Amino acid sequence: MNIVTESHLKGQPIGDKAHKRPVRPVRWFIIVGTLLAALVAGLGFFKFVFLPNLFKEIFSKPPPPTTVNVAAAKSETIPNLLAAVGDLAAVHQVNVTSDLNGRITEIMFTAGATVKEGTPLVQLFDGPEQADLASFKAQATMAQLSLDRAKQLAARQFGPQATVDQAQSSFDQANAGIAKTQAVISQKQVRAPFDGELGVRKVEVGQYLTAGTQIVSLTDLSVLYANFTVTEKDSGALKVGQTVRIAVDAYPDRTFEGKITTIEPQIATDTRNIRVQATIQNPDRILKPGMFATTSVVLPDRPPVITVPETAVDYTLYGDSVYLLTEKKADDGKTSLAVTRTFVQTGNRINGRAEILKGLKEGDRVVAVGQLKLQSGAAVTISTDPTPPIPAKPPRY
């Protein structure tokens, strides 16, 4: 067997693999540093270039105009009213009572009925008084006969004048007894003192009624008083005969008119108010005594004033203001509408409109609805929708 030897063959033994050369650390540092530099450059570009330009584009763009309702300031004469609060009272109102004690034998009325003056209401037991009346009438008859006989005898000189005088006295005493008894009997029958409407019955048949006990209330509703108070400062503007307008909660859509009939000559020292009374006709009898009333005294008209809708005024602790509509020119020459907050001095508020004593002139346009979203200098557009109507009556208490 020949063994062949190849001396020229070189290399590794069969089965061994060649090892790769390790990457040098410098190369790794270069790669990581390049990546970090790229990341830092990207963040810097995003922070110092992209974001400022983005914010500048967003915040430099003006917001869209706000849609608002606009109203013009008008010069008008508004009612000059002096407002106050009070209540209603009946001109004639009484609790019907009896003057005497007695047992009720008959009730001659129906609760809630309308009665005339003199209508019998309650009958008390008057049997003894009727007997006394019959006795006095018999005495009067006998005294009349005795008086006639005495006068005839005295005329013929058959009797003294003293007998005539005594008979006249007996006759007068009998008539006085009749009158007294009839008065007591009339007191036993309780009658309506005036025309009016009865209230709730408070007695029963058979009840023993003592003097002064209430039987029923009687009220005349045809005419009422409106009693109210005004301050000392406003008392100089009041005069007897001025018109007073009355409003009550029971009929919010109606207004009742009357005239001032009495002004208290004294001012209350504790409140410095003066009491005023007006008389109101109540033909429909719908007003009731005791009702709470809001009164307005009609004073002489004042000169015309500037008014705007009440919703246009912003009432704050820092003062009253409105948003005044102005024209604003842009850099490109186009005209747009903007608003400016303008402080004003307000007066009375009547029928949904507010007096502007200072700060506006006739014809100025102000924002009537939508000012809560505005600030001074904001761009606006005028809405084509009609302004919401002002409620005729605000909610009460």
Protein backbone atom coordinates (compact mmCIF):
# COMPACT_ATOMS: atom_id res chain seq x y z
CA MET A 1 0.00 0.00 0.00
CA ASN A 2 1.41 3.33 -1.01
CA ILE A 3 0.78 6.40 1.03
CA VAL A 4 0.54 9.51 -0.99
CA THR A 5 1.81 12.60 0.67
CA GLU A 6 0.94 16.01 -0.70
CA SER A 7 3.15 18.49 0.82
CA HIS A 8 1.76 21.37 -1.12
CA LEU A 9 -1.73 21.18 0.45
CA LYS A 10 -2.17 23.79 3.15
CA GLY A 11 -5.17 24.95 5.27
CA GLN A 12 -7.15 23.92 8.21
CA PRO A 13 -8.15 20.51 9.09
CA ILE A 14 -11.35 19.18 7.68
CA GLY A 15 -14.27 20.02 9.96
CA ASP A 16 -12.94 23.38 11.21
CA LYS A 17 -14.75 26.65 10.07
CA ALA A 18 -13.13 30.01 9.42
CA HIS A 19 -13.72 32.65 12.11
CA LYS A 20 -14.94 36.20 11.11
CA ARG A 21 -12.91 39.10 12.18
CA PRO A 22 -14.59 41.14 14.99
CA VAL A 23 -15.84 44.65 14.19
CA ARG A 24 -13.71 47.27 15.67
CA PRO A 25 -15.24 49.43 18.53
CA VAL A 26 -14.48 52.65 16.71
CA ARG A 27 -16.85 51.67 13.92
CA TRP A 28 -19.66 51.12 16.46
CA PHE A 29 -19.10 54.50 18.05
CA ILE A 30 -19.32 56.13 14.64
CA ILE A 31 -22.63 54.42 13.79
CA VAL A 32 -24.30 55.21 17.16
CA GLY A 33 -23.06 58.79 17.12
CA THR A 34 -24.41 59.30 13.61
CA LEU A 35 -27.86 58.00 14.66
CA LEU A 36 -27.93 60.16 17.78
CA ALA A 37 -26.92 63.22 15.81
CA ALA A 38 -29.67 62.56 13.29
CA LEU A 39 -32.24 62.15 16.11
CA VAL A 40 -31.15 65.36 17.84
CA ALA A 41 -31.26 67.23 14.54
CA GLY A 42 -34.77 65.93 13.88
CA LEU A 43 -35.98 66.95 17.32
CA GLY A 44 -34.41 70.35 16.98
CA PHE A 45 -36.02 70.88 13.61
CA PHE A 46 -39.40 69.78 14.98
CA LYS A 47 -39.13 72.02 18.04
CA PHE A 48 -37.50 75.14 16.65
CA VAL A 49 -38.75 75.17 13.06
CA PHE A 50 -41.85 73.05 12.53
CA LEU A 51 -43.77 73.80 15.76
CA PRO A 52 -43.28 77.60 15.70
CA ASN A 53 -44.43 77.75 12.12
CA LEU A 54 -47.41 75.53 12.93
CA PHE A 55 -48.43 77.63 15.98
CA LYS A 56 -47.92 80.81 14.04
CA GLU A 57 -50.18 79.55 11.31
CA ILE A 58 -52.85 78.42 13.78
CA PHE A 59 -52.92 81.45 16.06
CA SER A 60 -52.31 84.08 13.43
CA LYS A 61 -55.41 82.97 11.59
CA PRO A 62 -58.36 85.09 12.78
CA PRO A 63 -61.34 83.22 14.23
CA PRO A 64 -64.50 83.07 12.14
CA PRO A 65 -66.99 85.91 12.68
CA THR A 66 -69.66 85.38 15.34
CA THR A 67 -73.29 85.58 14.23
CA VAL A 68 -75.31 88.05 16.31
CA ASN A 69 -78.64 89.86 16.27
CA VAL A 70 -78.39 93.62 16.00
CA ALA A 71 -80.77 96.40 17.09
CA ALA A 72 -80.58 100.14 16.56
CA ALA A 73 -80.74 102.67 19.39
CA LYS A 74 -83.93 104.74 19.12
CA SER A 75 -85.00 108.07 20.53
CA GLU A 76 -88.49 107.76 21.99
CA THR A 77 -90.74 109.05 24.71
CA ILE A 78 -91.39 106.31 27.21
CA PRO A 79 -94.01 106.33 29.97
CA ASN A 80 -92.90 108.05 33.14
CA LEU A 81 -94.10 105.68 35.82
CA LEU A 82 -93.54 105.54 39.57
CA ALA A 83 -93.64 101.89 40.59
CA ALA A 84 -94.70 100.69 44.04
CA VAL A 85 -96.28 97.69 45.71
CA GLY A 86 -99.35 97.49 47.90
CA ASP A 87 -102.60 95.64 48.45
CA LEU A 88 -106.29 95.97 47.77
CA ALA A 89 -108.96 96.76 50.36
CA ALA A 90 -112.73 97.06 50.16
CA VAL A 91 -114.38 100.44 50.50
CA HIS A 92 -117.26 98.77 52.39
CA GLN A 93 -116.53 95.54 54.24
CA VAL A 94 -117.86 94.35 57.59
CA ASN A 95 -118.32 91.26 59.71
CA VAL A 96 -122.05 91.18 60.39
CA THR A 97 -122.80 90.71 64.10
CA SER A 98 -125.74 90.98 66.47
CA ASP A 99 -126.25 93.83 68.94
CA LEU A 100 -128.08 91.61 71.46
CA ASN A 101 -127.83 88.13 72.89
CA GLY A 102 -130.38 85.60 71.78
CA ARG A 103 -131.13 82.20 70.29
CA ILE A 104 -131.17 81.95 66.48
CA THR A 105 -134.58 80.87 65.26
CA GLU A 106 -134.12 81.40 61.51
CA ILE A 107 -131.28 81.95 59.03
CA MET A 108 -132.57 83.87 56.02
CA PHE A 109 -129.53 84.02 53.74
CA THR A 110 -127.39 81.75 51.56
CA ALA A 111 -123.62 81.84 51.86
CA GLY A 112 -122.04 83.64 48.91
CA ALA A 113 -125.25 85.37 47.84
CA THR A 114 -125.53 88.99 46.75
CA VAL A 115 -127.87 90.99 48.98
CA LYS A 116 -129.30 94.50 49.08
CA GLU A 117 -129.18 96.93 51.95
CA GLY A 118 -131.76 96.01 54.62
CA THR A 119 -132.12 92.35 53.58
CA PRO A 120 -132.93 90.20 56.68
CA LEU A 121 -130.13 87.77 57.48
CA VAL A 122 -130.76 86.20 60.91
CA GLN A 123 -133.78 86.18 63.23
CA LEU A 124 -133.28 85.86 66.99
CA PHE A 125 -135.98 84.71 69.40
CA ASP A 126 -138.11 87.80 70.22
CA GLY A 127 -141.19 86.30 71.91
CA PRO A 128 -140.94 88.37 75.13
CA GLU A 129 -140.41 91.56 73.19
CA GLN A 130 -143.45 90.87 71.02
CA ALA A 131 -145.53 90.39 74.19
CA ASP A 132 -144.20 93.64 75.62
CA LEU A 133 -145.09 95.37 72.37
CA ALA A 134 -148.67 94.13 72.55
CA SER A 135 -148.90 95.29 76.19
CA PHE A 136 -147.61 98.77 75.37
CA LYS A 137 -150.00 99.05 72.45
CA ALA A 138 -152.93 98.20 74.74
CA GLN A 139 -151.72 100.78 77.24
CA ALA A 140 -151.42 103.32 74.48
CA THR A 141 -154.98 102.62 73.38
CA MET A 142 -156.31 103.02 76.92
CA ALA A 143 -154.22 106.15 77.43
CA GLN A 144 -155.58 107.60 74.18
CA LEU A 145 -159.16 107.06 75.33
CA SER A 146 -158.43 108.57 78.76
CA LEU A 147 -156.75 111.55 77.14
CA ASP A 148 -159.68 112.19 74.79
CA ARG A 149 -162.18 111.97 77.66
CA ALA A 150 -160.14 114.29 79.85
CA LYS A 151 -159.84 116.84 77.06
CA GLN A 152 -163.64 116.79 76.50
CA LEU A 153 -164.36 117.30 80.20
CA ALA A 154 -161.82 120.06 80.47
CA ALA A 155 -163.31 121.81 77.47
CA ARG A 156 -166.73 121.84 79.18
CA GLN A 157 -165.20 122.99 82.47
CA PHE A 158 -166.12 119.65 84.13
CA GLY A 159 -162.59 118.48 84.81
CA PRO A 160 -159.27 119.97 85.84
CA GLN A 161 -156.35 120.52 83.50
CA ALA A 162 -154.22 118.30 85.73
CA THR A 163 -156.26 115.30 84.64
CA VAL A 164 -155.54 116.13 81.00
CA ASP A 165 -151.84 116.44 81.70
CA GLN A 166 -151.76 113.12 83.53
CA ALA A 167 -153.59 111.36 80.68
CA GLN A 168 -151.19 112.91 78.15
CA SER A 169 -148.23 111.66 80.16
CA SER A 170 -149.66 108.12 80.32
CA PHE A 171 -150.22 108.17 76.57
CA ASP A 172 -146.67 109.39 75.90
CA GLN A 173 -145.21 106.72 78.17
CA ALA A 174 -147.12 104.01 76.37
CA ASN A 175 -145.87 105.26 72.97
CA ALA A 176 -142.30 105.42 74.30
CA GLY A 177 -142.63 101.81 75.46
CA ILE A 178 -143.85 100.85 71.99
CA ALA A 179 -140.91 102.60 70.32
CA LYS A 180 -138.39 100.99 72.67
CA THR A 181 -139.84 97.53 72.23
CA GLN A 182 -139.94 97.91 68.47
CA ALA A 183 -136.27 98.94 68.52
CA VAL A 184 -135.37 95.83 70.51
CA ILE A 185 -137.39 93.67 68.14
CA SER A 186 -135.60 95.23 65.16
CA GLN A 187 -132.28 94.42 66.83
CA LYS A 188 -133.39 90.82 67.13
CA GLN A 189 -133.54 90.69 63.33
CA VAL A 190 -130.06 91.22 61.82
CA ARG A 191 -130.12 92.95 58.42
CA ALA A 192 -127.51 93.74 55.77
CA PRO A 193 -126.10 97.24 56.38
CA PHE A 194 -125.29 97.83 52.66
CA ASP A 195 -125.30 96.13 49.27
CA GLY A 196 -122.66 93.47 48.86
CA GLU A 197 -121.69 89.82 48.69
CA LEU A 198 -121.93 87.50 51.65
CA GLY A 199 -119.14 85.21 52.73
CA VAL A 200 -119.13 81.90 54.57
CA ARG A 201 -121.87 81.38 57.17
CA LYS A 202 -120.51 80.95 60.71
CA VAL A 203 -123.69 80.29 62.73
CA GLU A 204 -126.40 77.64 62.92
CA VAL A 205 -130.11 77.59 63.74
CA GLY A 206 -130.63 77.05 67.49
CA GLN A 207 -127.26 78.50 68.40
CA TYR A 208 -127.22 80.97 71.27
CA LEU A 209 -125.66 84.08 69.80
CA THR A 210 -123.88 86.52 72.04
CA ALA A 211 -123.52 90.16 71.08
CA GLY A 212 -120.52 90.73 68.83
CA THR A 213 -120.26 87.18 67.50
CA GLN A 214 -119.56 87.12 63.76
CA ILE A 215 -122.44 85.81 61.68
CA VAL A 216 -121.13 86.31 58.12
CA SER A 217 -118.88 88.71 56.24
CA LEU A 218 -120.36 91.27 53.85
CA THR A 219 -118.22 92.96 51.18
CA ASP A 220 -119.03 95.54 48.55
CA LEU A 221 -116.82 94.67 45.55
CA SER A 222 -118.00 97.44 43.23
CA VAL A 223 -115.29 99.84 44.41
CA LEU A 224 -111.92 98.99 45.98
CA TYR A 225 -109.03 100.85 47.50
CA ALA A 226 -105.42 100.29 46.42
CA ASN A 227 -103.14 101.12 49.33
CA PHE A 228 -99.42 101.50 48.64
CA THR A 229 -96.41 103.40 49.91
CA VAL A 230 -93.76 105.49 48.18
CA THR A 231 -90.51 106.90 49.45
CA GLU A 232 -90.13 110.38 50.86
CA LYS A 233 -88.04 111.33 47.81
CA ASP A 234 -90.88 110.47 45.40
CA SER A 235 -93.70 111.97 47.47
CA GLY A 236 -93.27 115.39 45.84
CA ALA A 237 -94.32 114.00 42.44
CA LEU A 238 -97.69 112.74 43.70
CA LYS A 239 -100.99 114.60 43.44
CA VAL A 240 -104.59 113.71 44.10
CA GLY A 241 -106.29 112.73 40.85
CA GLN A 242 -103.25 111.15 39.16
CA THR A 243 -103.87 107.91 37.27
CA VAL A 244 -102.72 104.68 38.89
CA ARG A 245 -102.34 101.38 37.00
CA ILE A 246 -102.81 98.19 38.99
CA ALA A 247 -101.55 94.69 38.16
CA VAL A 248 -102.33 91.56 40.21
CA ASP A 249 -100.98 88.02 40.02
CA ALA A 250 -104.43 86.51 39.46
CA TYR A 251 -104.84 88.34 36.11
CA PRO A 252 -101.31 88.88 34.71
CA ASP A 253 -102.58 89.94 31.27
CA ARG A 254 -104.87 92.70 32.52
CA THR A 255 -104.26 96.19 33.86
CA PHE A 256 -106.74 98.08 36.03
CA GLU A 257 -106.81 101.85 36.37
CA GLY A 258 -107.83 104.11 39.19
CA LYS A 259 -107.23 107.57 40.63
CA ILE A 260 -105.31 108.74 43.66
CA THR A 261 -107.90 109.89 46.17
CA THR A 262 -105.91 110.26 49.39
CA ILE A 263 -102.31 111.06 50.24
CA GLU A 264 -101.35 110.63 53.88
CA PRO A 265 -100.29 114.04 55.23
CA GLN A 266 -97.66 112.50 57.49
CA ILE A 267 -94.51 110.55 56.60
CA ALA A 268 -93.73 107.50 58.72
CA THR A 269 -90.74 108.26 60.92
CA ASP A 270 -89.51 104.64 61.00
CA THR A 271 -89.53 103.94 57.24
CA ARG A 272 -89.61 107.47 55.76
CA ASN A 273 -92.40 106.31 53.45
CA ILE A 274 -95.72 107.96 52.75
CA ARG A 275 -99.00 106.06 52.40
CA VAL A 276 -101.11 106.64 49.30
CA GLN A 277 -104.62 105.41 48.54
CA ALA A 278 -106.20 105.08 45.11
CA THR A 279 -109.82 104.23 44.29
CA ILE A 280 -110.49 101.61 41.62
CA GLN A 281 -113.78 100.76 40.00
CA ASN A 282 -114.42 97.02 39.91
CA PRO A 283 -117.51 96.49 37.76
CA ASP A 284 -116.65 92.86 36.95
CA ARG A 285 -116.02 92.16 40.65
CA ILE A 286 -112.95 90.09 39.83
CA LEU A 287 -110.60 92.01 42.12
CA LYS A 288 -110.75 90.90 45.74
CA PRO A 289 -109.75 92.68 48.94
CA GLY A 290 -106.40 91.50 50.24
CA MET A 291 -104.84 90.90 46.83
CA PHE A 292 -101.18 91.84 46.40
CA ALA A 293 -100.96 94.63 43.82
CA THR A 294 -98.16 96.14 41.77
CA THR A 295 -98.98 99.79 41.22
CA SER A 296 -97.62 102.33 38.74
CA VAL A 297 -98.42 106.01 39.13
CA VAL A 298 -98.52 107.77 35.74
CA LEU A 299 -96.38 110.91 35.98
CA PRO A 300 -96.02 113.69 33.37
CA ASP A 301 -94.00 112.70 30.30
CA ARG A 302 -90.29 113.42 30.21
CA PRO A 303 -88.22 114.46 27.16
CA PRO A 304 -87.35 111.69 24.63
CA VAL A 305 -84.47 109.42 25.61
CA ILE A 306 -82.28 106.86 23.82
CA THR A 307 -83.45 103.28 24.33
CA VAL A 308 -82.14 99.86 23.33
CA PRO A 309 -83.51 96.36 23.94
CA GLU A 310 -82.97 95.33 27.52
CA THR A 311 -81.12 92.20 26.35
CA ALA A 312 -78.43 94.38 24.76
CA VAL A 313 -77.20 95.73 28.10
CA ASP A 314 -74.63 93.73 30.04
CA TYR A 315 -75.13 94.49 33.74
CA THR A 316 -72.00 93.87 35.84
CA LEU A 317 -70.44 95.10 39.06
CA TYR A 318 -67.94 97.10 37.02
CA GLY A 319 -70.65 99.01 35.17
CA ASP A 320 -73.26 98.60 32.46
CA SER A 321 -72.04 98.15 28.90
CA VAL A 322 -73.15 97.29 25.36
CA TYR A 323 -71.35 95.94 22.30
CA LEU A 324 -71.36 98.71 19.70
CA LEU A 325 -71.21 97.61 16.07
CA THR A 326 -68.42 99.29 14.04
CA GLU A 327 -66.93 98.88 10.58
CA LYS A 328 -63.35 97.63 10.41
CA LYS A 329 -61.07 97.83 7.37
CA ALA A 330 -58.56 95.06 6.74
CA ASP A 331 -55.11 95.46 5.19
CA ASP A 332 -56.45 94.41 1.82
CA GLY A 333 -59.05 97.20 1.91
CA LYS A 334 -62.05 94.99 2.61
CA THR A 335 -64.60 96.19 5.14
CA SER A 336 -65.81 93.89 7.93
CA LEU A 337 -67.97 94.31 11.00
CA ALA A 338 -66.55 94.29 14.51
CA VAL A 339 -67.84 95.11 18.00
CA THR A 340 -66.49 97.39 20.68
CA ARG A 341 -67.50 97.17 24.34
CA THR A 342 -68.89 100.57 25.28
CA PHE A 343 -69.82 101.50 28.84
CA VAL A 344 -73.15 103.31 29.20
CA GLN A 345 -75.27 104.90 31.91
CA THR A 346 -78.69 103.25 32.12
CA GLY A 347 -82.01 104.47 33.49
CA ASN A 348 -85.38 102.79 33.86
CA ARG A 349 -86.38 99.57 32.13
CA ILE A 350 -89.90 99.55 30.69
CA ASN A 351 -91.59 97.05 28.37
CA GLY A 352 -88.37 95.24 27.51
CA ARG A 353 -86.37 98.38 26.67
CA ALA A 354 -83.69 100.12 28.71
CA GLU A 355 -83.02 103.83 28.87
CA ILE A 356 -79.50 104.89 27.89
CA LEU A 357 -78.77 108.19 29.57
CA LYS A 358 -75.17 108.40 28.44
CA GLY A 359 -72.86 106.54 26.01
CA LEU A 360 -74.98 106.07 22.86
CA LYS A 361 -76.66 108.23 20.25
CA GLU A 362 -79.66 107.65 18.04
CA GLY A 363 -78.94 105.23 15.20
CA ASP A 364 -76.07 103.37 16.86
CA ARG A 365 -76.29 99.64 16.28
CA VAL A 366 -75.72 97.34 19.24
CA VAL A 367 -75.68 93.58 19.70
CA ALA A 368 -79.06 92.49 21.04
CA VAL A 369 -78.55 88.70 21.19
CA GLY A 370 -75.31 86.70 21.23
CA GLN A 371 -72.97 89.00 23.15
CA LEU A 372 -71.99 86.30 25.65
CA LYS A 373 -69.54 84.88 23.09
CA LEU A 374 -68.00 88.24 22.24
CA GLN A 375 -65.08 90.32 23.33
CA SER A 376 -64.09 93.81 22.33
CA GLY A 377 -62.72 93.87 18.77
CA ALA A 378 -64.25 90.54 17.71
CA ALA A 379 -65.52 90.17 14.15
CA VAL A 380 -69.24 89.55 13.73
CA THR A 381 -71.85 88.95 11.09
CA ILE A 382 -75.47 90.00 11.32
CA SER A 383 -77.94 87.13 11.62
CA THR A 384 -80.84 87.00 9.23
CA ASP A 385 -83.05 85.37 11.84
CA PRO A 386 -85.50 87.68 13.65
CA THR A 387 -84.68 88.78 17.17
CA PRO A 388 -86.41 86.54 19.75
CA PRO A 389 -89.45 88.29 21.21
CA ILE A 390 -89.20 89.73 24.71
CA PRO A 391 -91.60 88.04 27.16
CA ALA A 392 -94.61 90.22 27.88
CA LYS A 393 -94.44 89.40 31.57
CA PRO A 394 -91.39 88.12 33.43
CA PRO A 395 -91.97 85.31 35.92
CA ARG A 396 -93.25 86.53 39.26
CA TYR A 397 -91.68 85.63 42.52
